[in-house]
Amino acid sequence: RHIAPNGGLRALATKVALQSSIMQPFIYLPLFYCFNAALRGWQLPELVHKVRSEYWSTLQTLWLFWTPSVVFAFGVLPVRQQAVFFAGIGFAWNALLSFVSNRGSQRADRADETPLLAASIGPPAASAQSA
């Protein structure tokens, strides 16, 4: 209300612009990567690699997901319903972000497990026949 006190389209555009150009790329997403790295016990080089390889695509996905939600909430919903709406959308976003963020690590975990599993089973049948 303080940014665009008269409301309307100008207020909506201002809120969406601030959300998309300042809050998401410079506050939310960097904090996400930092907390994620801290919880995983990553060192700074791992964090830098993750940010360099995923930041731009994650930010684009964030904009695709959140911009319509923000426009709907600020443009249509009464103020008293916005918090509940954002909580639900935030839950869905966090689930999506967690899935996408961990998709690569699950493949790496499986790749790490495969040699151990193969070693515990024994040699392949072709090797057993030639022995």
Foldseek 3Di string as FASTA:
>chain_A
DVVDVVDDPVVLVVVLCCCLPPCPLPPVPVVVLVVVCVVVVHDPVVSVVCCVVPVVVVSVVCCVLCSVLSSCLRVPNDPVCSVVSCVVSVVVVVVVVVCVVCVVVVVVVVVVVVVVVCVVVHDDPVVVVVD
